[in-house]
């Protein structure tokens, strides 16, 4: 016979902020080091690669998933397999396929 337990999270919750007593002192540290100057003509936007964007269209979707599947099955190699290595283990394999599939599914729902 299965046994089930119900836990109340509030019973186990830790306070999120430290409790300070009356003698607690907070400090603010400032730096007087000169800040680097940014020229007015500098582009202030930084573009970062999109996670799991295998085909380079700046989004990840089922197309990226199908390309990674084809790569793992040996049907068609990726031009840049590093974008498909979402697990970070240095290889593109079924683990990456599962992670991308899960992310695509969560994005669609």
Protein backbone atom coordinates (compact mmCIF):
# COMPACT_ATOMS: atom_id res chain seq x y z
CA UNK A 1 0.00 0.00 0.00
CA UNK A 2 1.52 3.37 -1.00
CA UNK A 3 2.11 5.93 1.67
CA UNK A 4 1.67 9.60 0.84
CA UNK A 5 2.89 12.58 2.80
CA UNK A 6 1.77 16.16 2.47
CA UNK A 7 4.21 18.87 3.43
CA UNK A 8 3.48 22.49 4.05
CA UNK A 9 6.22 24.64 2.54
CA UNK A 10 5.59 27.38 5.05
CA UNK A 11 6.59 25.04 7.86
CA UNK A 12 10.04 24.59 6.32
CA UNK A 13 10.56 28.06 4.86
CA UNK A 14 13.59 30.08 5.84
CA UNK A 15 13.26 33.83 6.15
CA UNK A 16 14.23 35.48 2.87
CA UNK A 17 15.85 38.51 4.45
CA UNK A 18 18.22 38.47 7.39
CA UNK A 19 16.78 39.67 10.65
CA UNK A 20 18.82 42.62 11.88
CA UNK A 21 19.00 43.65 15.49
CA UNK A 22 19.15 47.24 16.71
CA UNK A 23 22.97 47.19 16.79
CA UNK A 24 23.29 46.20 13.14
CA UNK A 25 25.17 48.67 10.99
CA UNK A 26 24.89 48.79 7.24
CA UNK A 27 27.72 50.22 5.18
CA UNK A 28 27.91 51.73 1.75
CA UNK A 29 31.22 51.42 -0.04
CA UNK A 30 31.95 53.78 -2.90
CA UNK A 31 34.80 53.91 -5.33
CA UNK A 32 36.53 57.04 -6.49
CA UNK A 33 38.24 55.31 -9.39
CA UNK A 34 37.66 57.07 -12.71
CA UNK A 35 35.07 55.42 -14.90
CA UNK A 36 36.00 54.68 -18.51
CA UNK A 37 34.63 57.10 -21.07
CA UNK A 38 32.32 55.72 -23.72
CA UNK A 39 32.44 57.61 -27.00
CA UNK A 40 29.13 59.06 -28.21
CA UNK A 41 29.30 57.09 -31.44
CA UNK A 42 29.66 53.74 -29.67
CA UNK A 43 26.86 51.27 -30.21
CA UNK A 44 25.38 50.71 -26.78
CA UNK A 45 23.47 47.57 -27.71
CA UNK A 46 25.14 44.26 -27.21
CA UNK A 47 23.78 41.31 -29.09
CA UNK A 48 24.25 37.90 -27.58
CA UNK A 49 23.62 34.66 -29.39
CA UNK A 50 20.21 33.12 -28.77
CA UNK A 51 20.33 29.89 -26.79
CA UNK A 52 19.95 26.83 -29.08
CA UNK A 53 19.66 28.98 -32.22
CA UNK A 54 21.26 26.49 -34.57
CA UNK A 55 20.20 28.05 -37.87
CA UNK A 56 21.07 31.65 -36.86
CA UNK A 57 17.63 33.26 -37.20
CA UNK A 58 17.84 34.83 -33.70
CA UNK A 59 15.26 32.50 -32.14
CA UNK A 60 15.04 28.87 -31.20
CA UNK A 61 12.14 26.78 -32.40
CA UNK A 62 11.19 23.44 -33.92
CA UNK A 63 13.40 24.16 -36.95
CA UNK A 64 16.46 24.23 -34.71
CA UNK A 65 15.28 21.04 -33.04
CA UNK A 66 14.94 19.24 -36.38
CA UNK A 67 18.42 20.36 -37.46
CA UNK A 68 19.94 19.05 -34.22
CA UNK A 69 18.07 15.74 -34.64
CA UNK A 70 19.41 15.38 -38.18
CA UNK A 71 22.93 16.09 -36.92
CA UNK A 72 22.70 13.53 -34.11
CA UNK A 73 21.30 10.88 -36.48
CA UNK A 74 24.13 11.55 -38.95
CA UNK A 75 21.80 12.75 -41.72
CA UNK A 76 23.22 16.27 -42.04
CA UNK A 77 26.07 17.87 -40.11
CA UNK A 78 25.66 21.29 -38.57
CA UNK A 79 27.85 24.15 -39.79
CA UNK A 80 28.44 25.30 -36.19
CA UNK A 81 27.64 22.48 -33.75
CA UNK A 82 28.62 24.61 -30.73
CA UNK A 83 25.21 26.33 -30.84
CA UNK A 84 23.54 22.93 -30.45
CA UNK A 85 25.64 21.90 -27.44
CA UNK A 86 23.17 23.24 -24.89
CA UNK A 87 24.24 20.76 -22.22
CA UNK A 88 27.76 22.19 -22.32
CA UNK A 89 29.52 18.82 -22.40
CA UNK A 90 31.40 19.54 -25.63
CA UNK A 91 29.30 17.08 -27.66
CA UNK A 92 26.04 17.30 -29.57
CA UNK A 93 23.98 14.26 -28.68
CA UNK A 94 20.54 13.10 -27.57
CA UNK A 95 20.87 15.01 -24.29
CA UNK A 96 20.95 18.25 -26.27
CA UNK A 97 17.99 17.09 -28.38
CA UNK A 98 15.93 16.42 -25.24
CA UNK A 99 16.82 19.79 -23.68
CA UNK A 100 15.94 21.71 -26.85
CA UNK A 101 12.72 19.70 -27.34
CA UNK A 102 11.65 20.46 -23.78
CA UNK A 103 12.37 24.17 -24.23
CA UNK A 104 10.49 24.31 -27.55
CA UNK A 105 7.52 22.53 -25.98
CA UNK A 106 7.43 24.99 -23.07
CA UNK A 107 7.64 27.88 -25.51
CA UNK A 108 4.66 26.63 -27.54
CA UNK A 109 2.35 25.83 -24.64
